[in-house]
């Protein structure tokens, strides 16, 4: 069985999960809030988290570009294809979702800032386009969550059914069982 993944890659993985879940919860919580000011604050927090996820994803892609994914010794071609496809889908969605959010905001005529610095405007105000991009953004987010659920199920399958070290190699601490 291959050894543990590099520690920074493990932490990037779990930090990305935490940020994505937080972004989803922040976005969904806006539906229960009546205050316009608080809704605007939550939207800004959602945007900031998304932009951090985008930056983290770029770092992860650069890191992943340095080497091949370590597979279990008995992984067949179909298994390897499925793993590569799911990871490519993760990276695609993690990179595209923040861009879609940025474009949707700008098409609504809203400026987007990262840590107080304005980001360049890429789209002019266009309500119809904003609605279309927002819908794609939302479907992409649900797709990411479904992919993550499948990913977690596969990790648990490896751990409890196959009894291999796939899950343990990606846990923040090797002592976690």
C-alpha atoms as a PDB file:
ATOM      1  CA  UNK A   1       0.000   0.000   0.000  1.00  0.00           C
ATOM      2  CA  UNK A   2       1.357   3.482  -0.811  1.00  0.00           C
ATOM      3  CA  UNK A   3       2.436   5.664   2.102  1.00  0.00           C
ATOM      4  CA  UNK A   4       0.493   8.626   3.478  1.00  0.00           C
ATOM      5  CA  UNK A   5      -0.090  11.598   1.229  1.00  0.00           C
ATOM      6  CA  UNK A   6       2.112  14.662   1.845  1.00  0.00           C
ATOM      7  CA  UNK A   7       0.911  16.565   4.910  1.00  0.00           C
ATOM      8  CA  UNK A   8       0.218  19.855   3.049  1.00  0.00           C
ATOM      9  CA  UNK A   9      -1.968  17.998   0.537  1.00  0.00           C
ATOM     10  CA  UNK A  10      -3.913  16.388   3.391  1.00  0.00           C
ATOM     11  CA  UNK A  11      -4.499  19.749   5.072  1.00  0.00           C
ATOM     12  CA  UNK A  12      -5.471  21.426   1.777  1.00  0.00           C
ATOM     13  CA  UNK A  13      -7.986  18.615   1.241  1.00  0.00           C
ATOM     14  CA  UNK A  14      -9.667  19.018   4.640  1.00  0.00           C
ATOM     15  CA  UNK A  15      -9.485  22.822   4.599  1.00  0.00           C
ATOM     16  CA  UNK A  16     -11.174  22.833   1.193  1.00  0.00           C
ATOM     17  CA  UNK A  17     -13.935  20.587   2.526  1.00  0.00           C
ATOM     18  CA  UNK A  18     -14.449  22.840   5.551  1.00  0.00           C
ATOM     19  CA  UNK A  19     -14.557  25.986   3.398  1.00  0.00           C
ATOM     20  CA  UNK A  20     -16.955  24.467   0.846  1.00  0.00           C
ATOM     21  CA  UNK A  21     -19.333  23.287   3.568  1.00  0.00           C
ATOM     22  CA  UNK A  22     -19.156  26.703   5.231  1.00  0.00           C
ATOM     23  CA  UNK A  23     -19.862  28.452   1.915  1.00  0.00           C
ATOM     24  CA  UNK A  24     -22.894  26.220   1.335  1.00  0.00           C
ATOM     25  CA  UNK A  25     -24.224  26.774   4.859  1.00  0.00           C
ATOM     26  CA  UNK A  26     -23.723  30.538   4.571  1.00  0.00           C
ATOM     27  CA  UNK A  27     -25.511  30.615   1.210  1.00  0.00           C
ATOM     28  CA  UNK A  28     -28.407  28.487   2.433  1.00  0.00           C
ATOM     29  CA  UNK A  29     -28.747  30.444   5.671  1.00  0.00           C
ATOM     30  CA  UNK A  30     -29.482  33.603   3.666  1.00  0.00           C
ATOM     31  CA  UNK A  31     -32.898  32.115   2.847  1.00  0.00           C
ATOM     32  CA  UNK A  32     -33.914  32.274   6.532  1.00  0.00           C
ATOM     33  CA  UNK A  33     -32.776  35.851   7.124  1.00  0.00           C
ATOM     34  CA  UNK A  34     -35.090  38.827   6.737  1.00  0.00           C
ATOM     35  CA  UNK A  35     -32.555  41.599   7.323  1.00  0.00           C
ATOM     36  CA  UNK A  36     -31.164  42.968   4.046  1.00  0.00           C
ATOM     37  CA  UNK A  37     -27.976  44.059   5.785  1.00  0.00           C
ATOM     38  CA  UNK A  38     -27.338  40.615   7.245  1.00  0.00           C
ATOM     39  CA  UNK A  39     -28.186  38.930   3.933  1.00  0.00           C
ATOM     40  CA  UNK A  40     -25.673  41.218   2.187  1.00  0.00           C
ATOM     41  CA  UNK A  41     -23.048  40.435   4.824  1.00  0.00           C
ATOM     42  CA  UNK A  42     -23.620  36.691   4.390  1.00  0.00           C
ATOM     43  CA  UNK A  43     -23.396  37.016   0.597  1.00  0.00           C
ATOM     44  CA  UNK A  44     -20.096  38.841   0.964  1.00  0.00           C
ATOM     45  CA  UNK A  45     -18.838  36.113   3.326  1.00  0.00           C
ATOM     46  CA  UNK A  46     -19.945  33.483   0.779  1.00  0.00           C
ATOM     47  CA  UNK A  47     -18.031  35.311  -1.956  1.00  0.00           C
ATOM     48  CA  UNK A  48     -14.890  35.643   0.177  1.00  0.00           C
ATOM     49  CA  UNK A  49     -14.935  31.952   1.056  1.00  0.00           C
ATOM     50  CA  UNK A  50     -15.467  31.055  -2.615  1.00  0.00           C
ATOM     51  CA  UNK A  51     -12.501  33.155  -3.685  1.00  0.00           C
ATOM     52  CA  UNK A  52     -10.313  31.532  -1.019  1.00  0.00           C
ATOM     53  CA  UNK A  53     -11.454  28.103  -2.275  1.00  0.00           C
ATOM     54  CA  UNK A  54     -10.495  29.195  -5.792  1.00  0.00           C
ATOM     55  CA  UNK A  55      -6.989  30.187  -4.636  1.00  0.00           C
ATOM     56  CA  UNK A  56      -6.603  27.008  -2.627  1.00  0.00           C
ATOM     57  CA  UNK A  57      -7.713  24.971  -5.635  1.00  0.00           C
ATOM     58  CA  UNK A  58      -5.053  26.608  -7.804  1.00  0.00           C
ATOM     59  CA  UNK A  59      -2.419  25.742  -5.204  1.00  0.00           C
ATOM     60  CA  UNK A  60      -3.724  22.156  -5.046  1.00  0.00           C
ATOM     61  CA  UNK A  61      -3.636  21.853  -8.837  1.00  0.00           C
ATOM     62  CA  UNK A  62      -0.046  23.065  -8.913  1.00  0.00           C
ATOM     63  CA  UNK A  63       0.830  20.584  -6.176  1.00  0.00           C
ATOM     64  CA  UNK A  64      -0.963  17.735  -7.960  1.00  0.00           C
ATOM     65  CA  UNK A  65       0.849  18.608 -11.164  1.00  0.00           C
ATOM     66  CA  UNK A  66       4.099  17.671  -9.447  1.00  0.00           C
ATOM     67  CA  UNK A  67       3.311  13.964  -9.266  1.00  0.00           C
ATOM     68  CA  UNK A  68       1.010  11.082 -10.074  1.00  0.00           C
ATOM     69  CA  UNK A  69      -1.786   9.970  -7.768  1.00  0.00           C
ATOM     70  CA  UNK A  70      -0.765   7.000  -5.624  1.00  0.00           C
ATOM     71  CA  UNK A  71      -3.104   4.055  -6.192  1.00  0.00           C
ATOM     72  CA  UNK A  72      -3.480   0.860  -4.211  1.00  0.00           C
ATOM     73  CA  UNK A  73      -1.333  -1.910  -5.682  1.00  0.00           C
ATOM     74  CA  UNK A  74      -4.405  -3.928  -6.690  1.00  0.00           C
ATOM     75  CA  UNK A  75      -6.268  -1.010  -8.339  1.00  0.00           C
ATOM     76  CA  UNK A  76      -7.392  -2.045 -11.810  1.00  0.00           C
ATOM     77  CA  UNK A  77      -7.839   0.160 -14.870  1.00  0.00           C
ATOM     78  CA  UNK A  78     -11.525   0.911 -14.184  1.00  0.00           C
ATOM     79  CA  UNK A  79     -10.757   1.901 -10.600  1.00  0.00           C
ATOM     80  CA  UNK A  80      -7.940   4.189 -11.724  1.00  0.00           C
ATOM     81  CA  UNK A  81     -10.167   5.731 -14.400  1.00  0.00           C
ATOM     82  CA  UNK A  82     -12.925   6.380 -11.831  1.00  0.00           C
ATOM     83  CA  UNK A  83     -10.509   7.955  -9.345  1.00  0.00           C
ATOM     84  CA  UNK A  84      -8.914  10.181 -11.979  1.00  0.00           C
ATOM     85  CA  UNK A  85     -12.315  11.193 -13.349  1.00  0.00           C
ATOM     86  CA  UNK A  86     -13.719  12.047  -9.939  1.00  0.00           C
ATOM     87  CA  UNK A  87     -10.644  14.073  -8.972  1.00  0.00           C
ATOM     88  CA  UNK A  88     -10.733  15.942 -12.301  1.00  0.00           C
ATOM     89  CA  UNK A  89     -14.419  16.668 -11.689  1.00  0.00           C
ATOM     90  CA  UNK A  90     -13.642  17.955  -8.196  1.00  0.00           C
ATOM     91  CA  UNK A  91     -10.954  20.308  -9.429  1.00  0.00           C
ATOM     92  CA  UNK A  92     -13.088  21.518 -12.318  1.00  0.00           C
ATOM     93  CA  UNK A  93     -16.036  22.294 -10.047  1.00  0.00           C
ATOM     94  CA  UNK A  94     -13.859  23.838  -7.333  1.00  0.00           C
ATOM     95  CA  UNK A  95     -12.307  26.164  -9.912  1.00  0.00           C
ATOM     96  CA  UNK A  96     -15.448  26.957 -11.914  1.00  0.00           C
ATOM     97  CA  UNK A  97     -17.876  27.575  -9.034  1.00  0.00           C
ATOM     98  CA  UNK A  98     -16.122  30.705  -7.702  1.00  0.00           C
ATOM     99  CA  UNK A  99     -15.738  32.079 -11.236  1.00  0.00           C
ATOM    100  CA  UNK A 100     -19.450  31.534 -11.884  1.00  0.00           C
ATOM    101  CA  UNK A 101     -20.265  33.265  -8.591  1.00  0.00           C
ATOM    102  CA  UNK A 102     -18.050  36.208  -9.528  1.00  0.00           C
ATOM    103  CA  UNK A 103     -19.644  36.479 -12.970  1.00  0.00           C
ATOM    104  CA  UNK A 104     -23.183  36.204 -11.558  1.00  0.00           C
ATOM    105  CA  UNK A 105     -22.461  38.984  -9.060  1.00  0.00           C
ATOM    106  CA  UNK A 106     -20.999  41.230 -11.714  1.00  0.00           C
ATOM    107  CA  UNK A 107     -23.899  40.549 -14.090  1.00  0.00           C
ATOM    108  CA  UNK A 108     -26.178  41.722 -11.237  1.00  0.00           C
ATOM    109  CA  UNK A 109     -24.149  44.928 -11.181  1.00  0.00           C
ATOM    110  CA  UNK A 110     -22.456  44.125  -7.879  1.00  0.00           C
ATOM    111  CA  UNK A 111     -18.770  44.791  -7.375  1.00  0.00           C
ATOM    112  CA  UNK A 112     -16.781  41.925  -5.854  1.00  0.00           C
ATOM    113  CA  UNK A 113     -13.888  42.488  -3.496  1.00  0.00           C
ATOM    114  CA  UNK A 114     -11.246  40.151  -2.164  1.00  0.00           C
ATOM    115  CA  UNK A 115     -10.060  41.218   1.281  1.00  0.00           C
ATOM    116  CA  UNK A 116     -11.194  44.771   0.517  1.00  0.00           C
ATOM    117  CA  UNK A 117      -9.517  44.981  -2.890  1.00  0.00           C
ATOM    118  CA  UNK A 118     -11.857  45.318  -5.893  1.00  0.00           C
ATOM    119  CA  UNK A 119     -11.646  42.580  -8.494  1.00  0.00           C
ATOM    120  CA  UNK A 120     -11.705  43.522 -12.174  1.00  0.00           C
ATOM    121  CA  UNK A 121     -15.165  43.704 -13.713  1.00  0.00           C
ATOM    122  CA  UNK A 122     -15.518  41.044 -16.396  1.00  0.00           C
ATOM    123  CA  UNK A 123     -19.223  41.454 -17.219  1.00  0.00           C
ATOM    124  CA  UNK A 124     -21.569  44.388 -17.638  1.00  0.00           C
ATOM    125  CA  UNK A 125     -24.873  44.416 -15.800  1.00  0.00           C
ATOM    126  CA  UNK A 126     -27.347  41.997 -17.391  1.00  0.00           C
ATOM    127  CA  UNK A 127     -30.181  40.592 -15.247  1.00  0.00           C
ATOM    128  CA  UNK A 128     -31.071  37.724 -17.605  1.00  0.00           C
ATOM    129  CA  UNK A 129     -27.460  36.602 -17.830  1.00  0.00           C
ATOM    130  CA  UNK A 130     -27.112  36.918 -14.044  1.00  0.00           C
ATOM    131  CA  UNK A 131     -30.082  34.588 -13.547  1.00  0.00           C
ATOM    132  CA  UNK A 132     -28.665  32.041 -15.997  1.00  0.00           C
ATOM    133  CA  UNK A 133     -25.215  32.097 -14.434  1.00  0.00           C
ATOM    134  CA  UNK A 134     -26.713  31.857 -10.939  1.00  0.00           C
ATOM    135  CA  UNK A 135     -28.692  28.784 -11.945  1.00  0.00           C
ATOM    136  CA  UNK A 136     -25.560  27.129 -13.372  1.00  0.00           C
ATOM    137  CA  UNK A 137     -23.666  28.116 -10.201  1.00  0.00           C
ATOM    138  CA  UNK A 138     -26.323  26.501  -8.002  1.00  0.00           C
ATOM    139  CA  UNK A 139     -26.514  23.290 -10.062  1.00  0.00           C
ATOM    140  CA  UNK A 140     -22.729  23.093 -10.037  1.00  0.00           C
ATOM    141  CA  UNK A 141     -22.710  23.491  -6.248  1.00  0.00           C
ATOM    142  CA  UNK A 142     -25.226  20.662  -5.813  1.00  0.00           C
ATOM    143  CA  UNK A 143     -23.140  18.556  -8.211  1.00  0.00           C
ATOM    144  CA  UNK A 144     -20.050  19.230  -6.102  1.00  0.00           C
ATOM    145  CA  UNK A 145     -21.893  18.172  -2.954  1.00  0.00           C
ATOM    146  CA  UNK A 146     -23.140  14.979  -4.639  1.00  0.00           C
ATOM    147  CA  UNK A 147     -19.611  14.212  -5.822  1.00  0.00           C
ATOM    148  CA  UNK A 148     -18.290  14.830  -2.298  1.00  0.00           C
ATOM    149  CA  UNK A 149     -20.900  12.462  -0.848  1.00  0.00           C
ATOM    150  CA  UNK A 150     -19.834   9.784  -3.336  1.00  0.00           C
ATOM    151  CA  UNK A 151     -16.206  10.479  -2.501  1.00  0.00           C
ATOM    152  CA  UNK A 152     -16.887  10.051   1.231  1.00  0.00           C
ATOM    153  CA  UNK A 153     -18.852   6.856   0.570  1.00  0.00           C
ATOM    154  CA  UNK A 154     -15.953   5.482  -1.485  1.00  0.00           C
ATOM    155  CA  UNK A 155     -13.493   6.311   1.313  1.00  0.00           C
ATOM    156  CA  UNK A 156     -15.704   4.495   3.826  1.00  0.00           C
ATOM    157  CA  UNK A 157     -16.064   1.542   1.425  1.00  0.00           C
ATOM    158  CA  UNK A 158     -12.269   1.337   1.177  1.00  0.00           C
ATOM    159  CA  UNK A 159     -11.935   1.502   4.952  1.00  0.00           C
ATOM    160  CA  UNK A 160     -14.727  -0.800   6.113  1.00  0.00           C
ATOM    161  CA  UNK A 161     -15.373  -3.150   3.180  1.00  0.00           C
ATOM    162  CA  UNK A 162     -11.983  -3.503   1.486  1.00  0.00           C
ATOM    163  CA  UNK A 163     -10.076  -2.928   4.720  1.00  0.00           C
ATOM    164  CA  UNK A 164      -7.279  -1.006   2.997  1.00  0.00           C
ATOM    165  CA  UNK A 165      -5.430   2.155   4.060  1.00  0.00           C
ATOM    166  CA  UNK A 166      -6.937   4.519   1.460  1.00  0.00           C
ATOM    167  CA  UNK A 167      -8.882   6.548   4.043  1.00  0.00           C
ATOM    168  CA  UNK A 168      -6.159   6.500   6.707  1.00  0.00           C
ATOM    169  CA  UNK A 169      -3.595   7.866   4.225  1.00  0.00           C
ATOM    170  CA  UNK A 170      -5.718  11.014   3.839  1.00  0.00           C
ATOM    171  CA  UNK A 171      -6.726  11.591   7.473  1.00  0.00           C
ATOM    172  CA  UNK A 172      -5.130  14.575   9.240  1.00  0.00           C
ATOM    173  CA  UNK A 173      -3.687  12.266  11.884  1.00  0.00           C
ATOM    174  CA  UNK A 174      -2.528   8.681  11.251  1.00  0.00           C
ATOM    175  CA  UNK A 175      -3.784   7.791  14.771  1.00  0.00           C
ATOM    176  CA  UNK A 176      -7.418   8.296  13.740  1.00  0.00           C
ATOM    177  CA  UNK A 177      -9.032   4.924  13.143  1.00  0.00           C
END
